[in-house]
């Protein structure tokens, strides 16, 4: 039976096969994966030199952004050659089918969204913010405590949120707050190290373990060993630092910890970067989430001190979107232009009330803290780039 041959590069091959399977076209086809990573770099002359055997092929379809005259290929192959769409997600429409539905894929990164300065908020405000964060994609509501005021009713606050079906963590080193939260059924404690490691044995919740203050990874290893001895479930946080304050070294710590503890659950407080970086909100988080995905870091902590929809952005970034509609791309470099984030404003909070909101690009009028997240970067879907 005569077949159509789809020519692509290594990066786009899996997405092309998935798209063709979803299309179920009414003709036989094969996929030729050329010995090139980015299909955009192919030319018709180059393809002609590297084509596989064409037995039974009646038509060849190459990515729309490949440069060169298709007649070069037709002369070499002796069959009809077409340039398809620039984005493989447009293949259904190219063949007269309905566009594939835009949808989000699965993800395995959990978002901890911190409510800041909980001891200063009334209970209705805490519940309102928790509902807001959950609606934005948060998996765990983190209660941020204060050095100056105790969370005297930690048990009551946690009970309110648990009654609403929320997973809850508490961010404190205060022993009384920790024990009260644990009695109320808190799910996670952020954090433990040598300063309060002795309390871990009495707890029922999972703890986030960090290095000792001002110390290196050897102290983290020692703290992990202690938790394993007492059988306390834990998540490892090597601690990320803001840009210009040890960011590169901190990234290396995460790589080292993953090498030392290949099976450990890990967490990154991405808010330490996004809250202090005056740059595109979703883009910064997408990059951080991509790093987390590669290292198997399955938990991220974010917050919203200024008026940006950080939790929502983080939630969207951890999920690869599969859309039939490409964003505009540059004809020469084939890089897509960034999607602008919306200027939606989250509910006001004490820490956000005096801050300037972001523009449509997620930027603020001053160095700010945004924790807009980014779910897992998606599979390349543009023939020209993959």
Protein backbone atom coordinates (compact mmCIF):
# COMPACT_ATOMS: atom_id res chain seq x y z
CA UNK A 1 0.00 0.00 0.00
CA UNK A 2 1.33 3.44 -0.94
CA UNK A 3 2.37 5.47 2.09
CA UNK A 4 3.04 9.08 3.10
CA UNK A 5 6.44 9.69 4.68
CA UNK A 6 6.63 12.38 7.40
CA UNK A 7 10.17 13.73 7.80
CA UNK A 8 11.21 15.28 11.13
CA UNK A 9 14.05 15.62 13.64
CA UNK A 10 14.81 13.82 16.91
CA UNK A 11 13.14 16.32 19.24
CA UNK A 12 9.79 16.44 17.49
CA UNK A 13 9.54 12.75 16.60
CA UNK A 14 7.59 11.63 19.72
CA UNK A 15 5.11 14.53 19.42
CA UNK A 16 4.66 13.90 15.70
CA UNK A 17 3.87 10.23 16.27
CA UNK A 18 1.41 11.12 19.03
CA UNK A 19 -0.34 13.65 16.80
CA UNK A 20 -0.62 11.21 13.91
CA UNK A 21 -2.03 8.51 16.19
CA UNK A 22 -4.64 10.97 17.48
CA UNK A 23 -5.52 11.94 13.91
CA UNK A 24 -5.90 8.35 12.68
CA UNK A 25 -5.55 9.55 9.06
CA UNK A 26 -7.22 7.59 6.31
CA UNK A 27 -3.91 6.68 4.67
CA UNK A 28 -0.82 4.64 5.56
CA UNK A 29 2.19 6.56 6.79
CA UNK A 30 5.71 6.25 8.18
CA UNK A 31 7.84 8.69 10.19
CA UNK A 32 11.45 9.24 9.11
CA UNK A 33 13.55 10.61 11.97
CA UNK A 34 16.60 12.27 10.45
CA UNK A 35 19.97 12.40 12.15
CA UNK A 36 19.45 15.94 13.34
CA UNK A 37 18.10 17.29 16.61
CA UNK A 38 16.36 20.44 15.38
CA UNK A 39 14.36 19.95 12.20
CA UNK A 40 14.45 23.69 11.49
CA UNK A 41 18.07 23.29 10.46
CA UNK A 42 17.18 20.90 7.65
CA UNK A 43 17.13 22.07 4.04
CA UNK A 44 15.60 20.26 1.13
CA UNK A 45 19.07 19.58 -0.31
CA UNK A 46 20.25 18.13 3.02
CA UNK A 47 17.16 15.95 3.31
CA UNK A 48 17.71 14.68 -0.24
CA UNK A 49 21.18 13.46 0.71
CA UNK A 50 20.00 11.65 3.86
CA UNK A 51 16.64 10.17 2.91
CA UNK A 52 16.03 6.54 3.87
CA UNK A 53 14.86 4.00 1.24
CA UNK A 54 11.51 5.04 -0.23
CA UNK A 55 9.94 1.74 -1.20
CA UNK A 56 6.17 2.16 -1.34
CA UNK A 57 6.25 5.90 -0.60
CA UNK A 58 3.99 8.05 -2.80
CA UNK A 59 4.29 11.36 -0.93
CA UNK A 60 6.80 13.04 1.39
CA UNK A 61 5.76 15.71 3.89
CA UNK A 62 8.47 17.90 5.43
CA UNK A 63 8.16 20.64 8.07
CA UNK A 64 6.84 23.90 6.69
CA UNK A 65 9.82 25.94 7.90
CA UNK A 66 12.45 23.83 6.17
CA UNK A 67 14.33 26.01 3.70
CA UNK A 68 14.82 25.15 0.04
CA UNK A 69 12.85 24.18 -3.04
CA UNK A 70 10.86 20.95 -2.77
CA UNK A 71 11.75 20.19 -6.41
CA UNK A 72 15.25 19.29 -5.23
CA UNK A 73 13.69 16.52 -3.18
CA UNK A 74 11.24 15.50 -5.87
CA UNK A 75 14.08 15.08 -8.38
CA UNK A 76 15.95 12.87 -5.91
CA UNK A 77 13.00 10.85 -4.63
CA UNK A 78 10.81 10.68 -7.70
CA UNK A 79 7.65 11.28 -5.67
CA UNK A 80 5.53 14.28 -4.70
CA UNK A 81 6.96 16.42 -1.89
CA UNK A 82 4.96 18.91 0.19
CA UNK A 83 5.85 21.39 2.90
CA UNK A 84 3.41 20.89 5.73
CA UNK A 85 2.49 23.37 8.48
CA UNK A 86 5.18 25.02 10.58
CA UNK A 87 3.66 23.52 13.75
CA UNK A 88 2.88 19.82 13.76
CA UNK A 89 -0.18 20.50 15.92
CA UNK A 90 -1.75 22.01 12.81
CA UNK A 91 -1.50 18.73 10.89
CA UNK A 92 -5.16 17.76 11.45
CA UNK A 93 -6.34 20.99 9.85
CA UNK A 94 -3.78 20.59 7.05
CA UNK A 95 -5.46 17.29 6.19
CA UNK A 96 -8.98 18.69 6.51
CA UNK A 97 -9.73 17.44 10.02
CA UNK A 98 -10.90 19.37 13.06
CA UNK A 99 -8.18 20.94 15.20
CA UNK A 100 -7.00 18.90 18.15
CA UNK A 101 -8.39 20.10 21.45
CA UNK A 102 -6.12 22.24 23.56
CA UNK A 103 -5.51 20.47 26.83
CA UNK A 104 -2.99 20.08 29.61
CA UNK A 105 -1.03 16.93 30.28
CA UNK A 106 -0.30 15.18 33.55
CA UNK A 107 2.13 16.49 36.13
CA UNK A 108 3.83 15.22 39.26
CA UNK A 109 5.01 18.43 40.97
CA UNK A 110 3.07 19.56 44.03
CA UNK A 111 2.71 23.25 44.85
CA UNK A 112 2.95 24.50 48.43
CA UNK A 113 1.41 28.00 48.49
CA UNK A 114 2.39 30.06 51.54
CA UNK A 115 0.03 32.44 53.31
CA UNK A 116 2.37 35.00 54.84
CA UNK A 117 2.19 36.33 58.40
CA UNK A 118 -0.72 34.14 59.46
CA UNK A 119 -0.56 35.27 63.15
CA UNK A 120 -1.54 38.79 62.00
CA UNK A 121 -4.56 37.66 59.95
CA UNK A 122 -8.06 36.91 61.15
CA UNK A 123 -9.39 33.43 60.49
CA UNK A 124 -11.77 34.54 57.72
CA UNK A 125 -8.86 36.07 55.80
CA UNK A 126 -6.78 32.91 56.17
CA UNK A 127 -9.64 30.81 54.81
CA UNK A 128 -10.24 33.24 51.97
CA UNK A 129 -6.59 33.21 50.91
CA UNK A 130 -6.43 29.42 51.22
CA UNK A 131 -9.46 29.09 48.92
CA UNK A 132 -7.84 31.53 46.48
CA UNK A 133 -4.58 29.57 46.40
CA UNK A 134 -6.34 26.25 46.01
CA UNK A 135 -8.38 27.65 43.11
CA UNK A 136 -5.10 28.80 41.56
CA UNK A 137 -3.66 25.28 41.62
CA UNK A 138 -2.06 24.88 45.05
CA UNK A 139 -1.90 21.35 46.42
CA UNK A 140 -0.82 22.29 49.95
CA UNK A 141 -1.61 25.46 51.92
CA UNK A 142 1.44 26.59 53.89
CA UNK A 143 0.93 28.68 57.03
CA UNK A 144 3.76 31.19 57.31
CA UNK A 145 4.42 32.12 60.91
CA UNK A 146 6.12 35.17 62.40
CA UNK A 147 9.15 35.76 64.60
CA UNK A 148 7.34 38.52 66.49
CA UNK A 149 3.93 37.00 67.18
CA UNK A 150 2.97 33.44 68.10
CA UNK A 151 0.30 31.55 66.20
CA UNK A 152 -1.56 30.86 69.43
CA UNK A 153 -4.51 29.16 67.72
CA UNK A 154 -2.51 27.02 65.27
CA UNK A 155 -4.74 24.02 65.97
CA UNK A 156 -7.93 25.96 65.23
CA UNK A 157 -6.60 27.40 61.96
CA UNK A 158 -5.38 24.04 60.75
CA UNK A 159 -8.68 22.45 61.72
CA UNK A 160 -10.59 25.01 59.63
CA UNK A 161 -8.51 24.26 56.55
CA UNK A 162 -8.52 20.50 57.03
CA UNK A 163 -12.31 20.61 57.33
CA UNK A 164 -12.34 22.17 53.85
CA UNK A 165 -10.39 19.22 52.47
CA UNK A 166 -7.03 20.98 52.25
CA UNK A 167 -3.57 19.56 52.85
CA UNK A 168 -1.76 21.92 55.23
CA UNK A 169 1.85 22.67 56.17
CA UNK A 170 3.23 25.03 58.79
CA UNK A 171 6.41 27.06 58.37
CA UNK A 172 7.95 27.60 61.81
CA UNK A 173 10.83 26.64 64.10
CA UNK A 174 8.82 27.34 67.25
CA UNK A 175 8.39 24.11 69.22
CA UNK A 176 5.03 25.05 70.73
CA UNK A 177 3.60 25.93 67.31
CA UNK A 178 5.01 22.73 65.83
CA UNK A 179 3.49 20.47 68.49
CA UNK A 180 0.10 22.23 68.37
CA UNK A 181 0.04 21.93 64.58
CA UNK A 182 0.95 18.25 64.72
CA UNK A 183 -1.83 17.53 67.22
CA UNK A 184 -4.28 19.26 64.85
CA UNK A 185 -3.26 16.96 61.99
CA UNK A 186 -0.93 19.18 59.96
CA UNK A 187 0.51 17.29 56.99
CA UNK A 188 3.96 18.88 56.68
CA UNK A 189 6.41 20.84 58.83
CA UNK A 190 8.80 23.34 57.27
CA UNK A 191 11.50 22.82 58.44
CA UNK A 192 13.87 20.86 60.68
CA UNK A 193 17.64 20.86 61.15
CA UNK A 194 19.97 20.55 64.15
CA UNK A 195 18.21 23.50 65.80
CA UNK A 196 14.97 21.56 66.32
CA UNK A 197 15.66 18.02 65.15
CA UNK A 198 14.88 16.61 68.59
CA UNK A 199 11.19 17.44 68.15
CA UNK A 200 10.88 15.29 65.01
CA UNK A 201 10.60 12.03 66.94
CA UNK A 202 7.39 13.15 68.63
CA UNK A 203 5.66 14.16 65.38
CA UNK A 204 3.26 12.37 63.05
CA UNK A 205 3.63 14.65 60.01
CA UNK A 206 6.18 14.64 57.21
CA UNK A 207 9.04 17.08 57.82
CA UNK A 208 11.09 19.15 55.39
CA UNK A 209 14.75 18.82 56.33
CA UNK A 210 17.35 21.50 55.56
CA UNK A 211 21.08 21.98 56.26
CA UNK A 212 22.11 23.53 59.55
CA UNK A 213 22.17 27.33 59.42
CA UNK A 214 25.30 28.57 57.66
CA UNK A 215 26.63 25.05 57.23
CA UNK A 216 27.20 22.72 54.27
CA UNK A 217 25.67 19.57 52.88
CA UNK A 218 27.39 17.31 55.39
CA UNK A 219 25.00 18.64 58.02
CA UNK A 220 22.08 17.91 55.71
CA UNK A 221 23.30 14.34 55.32
CA UNK A 222 23.55 14.03 59.10
CA UNK A 223 20.04 15.37 59.60
CA UNK A 224 18.66 12.98 56.98
CA UNK A 225 20.41 10.05 58.66
CA UNK A 226 18.79 10.98 61.98
CA UNK A 227 15.31 11.09 60.45
CA UNK A 228 15.85 7.72 58.83
CA UNK A 229 16.95 6.24 62.17
CA UNK A 230 13.74 7.37 63.88
CA UNK A 231 11.54 6.48 60.91
CA UNK A 232 10.21 10.00 60.29
CA UNK A 233 9.08 10.67 56.68
CA UNK A 234 10.94 13.63 55.20
CA UNK A 235 11.40 15.84 52.14
CA UNK A 236 14.86 17.28 51.46
CA UNK A 237 15.32 21.01 50.83
CA UNK A 238 18.96 22.02 50.09
CA UNK A 239 17.71 25.67 50.10
CA UNK A 240 17.74 27.87 46.99
CA UNK A 241 19.22 31.37 47.18
CA UNK A 242 18.24 34.54 45.26
CA UNK A 243 20.14 35.64 42.16
CA UNK A 244 23.38 37.43 43.12
CA UNK A 245 23.19 35.88 46.60
CA UNK A 246 24.42 32.37 45.82
CA UNK A 247 21.92 31.25 43.17
CA UNK A 248 24.40 29.30 41.03
CA UNK A 249 25.99 27.59 44.04
CA UNK A 250 22.52 26.71 45.36
CA UNK A 251 21.56 25.06 42.07
CA UNK A 252 24.71 22.98 42.33
CA UNK A 253 23.68 21.94 45.85
CA UNK A 254 20.47 20.50 44.44
CA UNK A 255 22.44 18.55 41.85
CA UNK A 256 24.81 17.24 44.53
CA UNK A 257 21.98 16.25 46.85
CA UNK A 258 20.19 14.37 44.07
CA UNK A 259 23.44 12.47 43.37
CA UNK A 260 23.86 11.64 47.08
CA UNK A 261 20.20 10.76 47.65
CA UNK A 262 18.83 9.52 44.30
CA UNK A 263 15.51 8.33 45.74
CA UNK A 264 14.76 11.13 48.21
CA UNK A 265 11.74 13.41 47.88
CA UNK A 266 12.97 17.00 47.38
CA UNK A 267 11.52 20.51 47.64
CA UNK A 268 12.60 23.86 46.20
CA UNK A 269 11.40 27.18 47.57
CA UNK A 270 11.09 28.83 44.17
CA UNK A 271 9.57 31.91 45.80
CA UNK A 272 13.13 32.79 46.91
CA UNK A 273 13.85 33.49 43.24
CA UNK A 274 10.57 34.66 41.76
CA UNK A 275 9.79 37.00 44.65
CA UNK A 276 13.14 38.79 44.18
CA UNK A 277 13.45 38.82 40.39
CA UNK A 278 11.99 41.71 38.40
CA UNK A 279 11.37 39.65 35.28
CA UNK A 280 8.64 37.82 33.39
CA UNK A 281 6.72 35.92 36.04
CA UNK A 282 5.70 32.80 34.15
CA UNK A 283 9.02 32.58 32.32
CA UNK A 284 11.12 32.57 35.50
CA UNK A 285 8.93 29.93 37.05
CA UNK A 286 8.88 27.81 33.91
CA UNK A 287 12.67 27.71 33.96
CA UNK A 288 12.77 26.76 37.65
CA UNK A 289 10.10 24.10 37.22
CA UNK A 290 12.04 22.70 34.27
CA UNK A 291 15.10 22.37 36.53
CA UNK A 292 12.96 20.66 39.16
CA UNK A 293 11.52 18.28 36.59
CA UNK A 294 14.95 17.20 35.39
CA UNK A 295 16.20 16.52 38.93
CA UNK A 296 13.01 14.84 40.11
CA UNK A 297 12.16 17.64 42.58
CA UNK A 298 8.47 16.97 43.13
CA UNK A 299 7.57 19.74 45.59
CA UNK A 300 7.87 23.53 45.20
CA UNK A 301 7.06 26.30 47.67
CA UNK A 302 5.73 29.58 46.32
CA UNK A 303 4.05 32.66 47.70
CA UNK A 304 2.47 35.94 46.61
CA UNK A 305 3.77 38.93 48.50
CA UNK A 306 3.12 41.34 45.64
CA UNK A 307 0.03 41.40 43.47
CA UNK A 308 0.75 38.68 40.96
CA UNK A 309 -1.11 35.46 40.32
CA UNK A 310 1.96 33.45 41.24
CA UNK A 311 0.27 30.23 42.31
CA UNK A 312 -1.80 30.15 39.13
CA UNK A 313 1.27 30.76 36.97
CA UNK A 314 3.16 28.04 38.81
CA UNK A 315 0.27 25.66 38.34
CA UNK A 316 0.14 26.31 34.60
CA UNK A 317 3.88 26.01 34.21
CA UNK A 318 4.18 22.55 35.72
CA UNK A 319 1.80 21.16 33.07
CA UNK A 320 2.86 20.77 29.43
CA UNK A 321 0.21 22.41 27.28
CA UNK A 322 -0.67 20.78 23.98
CA UNK A 323 -2.33 23.31 21.72
CA UNK A 324 -3.13 23.33 18.03
CA UNK A 325 -2.48 27.07 17.93
CA UNK A 326 1.18 28.07 17.78
CA UNK A 327 2.41 31.35 19.13
CA UNK A 328 4.14 33.67 16.65
CA UNK A 329 7.62 32.42 15.76
CA UNK A 330 10.64 34.18 14.36
CA UNK A 331 11.32 33.04 10.81
CA UNK A 332 15.08 33.08 11.23
CA UNK A 333 15.74 31.66 14.68
CA UNK A 334 12.45 29.74 15.02
CA UNK A 335 12.09 30.79 18.63
CA UNK A 336 8.57 31.48 19.78
CA UNK A 337 7.79 34.86 21.18
CA UNK A 338 6.89 34.83 24.89
CA UNK A 339 3.29 34.64 25.92
CA UNK A 340 2.28 37.65 27.96
CA UNK A 341 0.87 36.98 31.36
CA UNK A 342 -2.37 38.58 32.40
CA UNK A 343 -2.45 41.44 34.84
CA UNK A 344 -4.98 39.81 37.12
CA UNK A 345 -4.72 40.84 40.72
CA UNK A 346 -4.97 38.38 43.62
CA UNK A 347 -6.88 39.17 46.78
CA UNK A 348 -5.33 41.91 48.85
CA UNK A 349 -3.27 40.89 51.85
CA UNK A 350 -1.37 42.92 54.45
CA UNK A 351 1.93 42.26 52.73
CA UNK A 352 0.61 43.18 49.29
CA UNK A 353 -1.46 46.24 50.08
CA UNK A 354 1.32 48.75 49.47
CA UNK A 355 2.93 47.12 46.47
CA UNK A 356 2.57 48.17 42.88
CA UNK A 357 0.81 45.57 40.72
CA UNK A 358 2.41 43.98 37.69
CA UNK A 359 1.94 44.90 34.06
CA UNK A 360 0.74 42.48 31.40
CA UNK A 361 4.23 41.03 31.25
CA UNK A 362 4.31 40.27 34.93
CA UNK A 363 6.82 43.03 35.72
CA UNK A 364 6.68 45.43 38.64
CA UNK A 365 7.84 48.98 39.08
CA UNK A 366 10.53 47.89 41.50
CA UNK A 367 12.50 44.75 42.36
CA UNK A 368 9.79 42.53 43.64
CA UNK A 369 8.89 39.16 44.84
CA UNK A 370 6.73 37.11 42.59
CA UNK A 371 6.21 33.57 42.86
CA UNK A 372 4.42 32.75 39.75
CA UNK A 373 4.96 29.23 38.95
CA UNK A 374 5.70 27.26 35.98
CA UNK A 375 4.72 23.75 35.40
CA UNK A 376 6.68 21.28 33.43
CA UNK A 377 7.92 22.63 30.09
CA UNK A 378 6.21 20.85 27.23
CA UNK A 379 7.50 18.65 24.43
CA UNK A 380 8.69 20.60 21.37
CA UNK A 381 5.87 20.69 18.89
CA UNK A 382 7.14 22.95 16.13
CA UNK A 383 8.66 21.02 13.25
CA UNK A 384 10.91 23.97 12.62
CA UNK A 385 12.47 23.84 16.05
CA UNK A 386 12.39 20.14 16.70
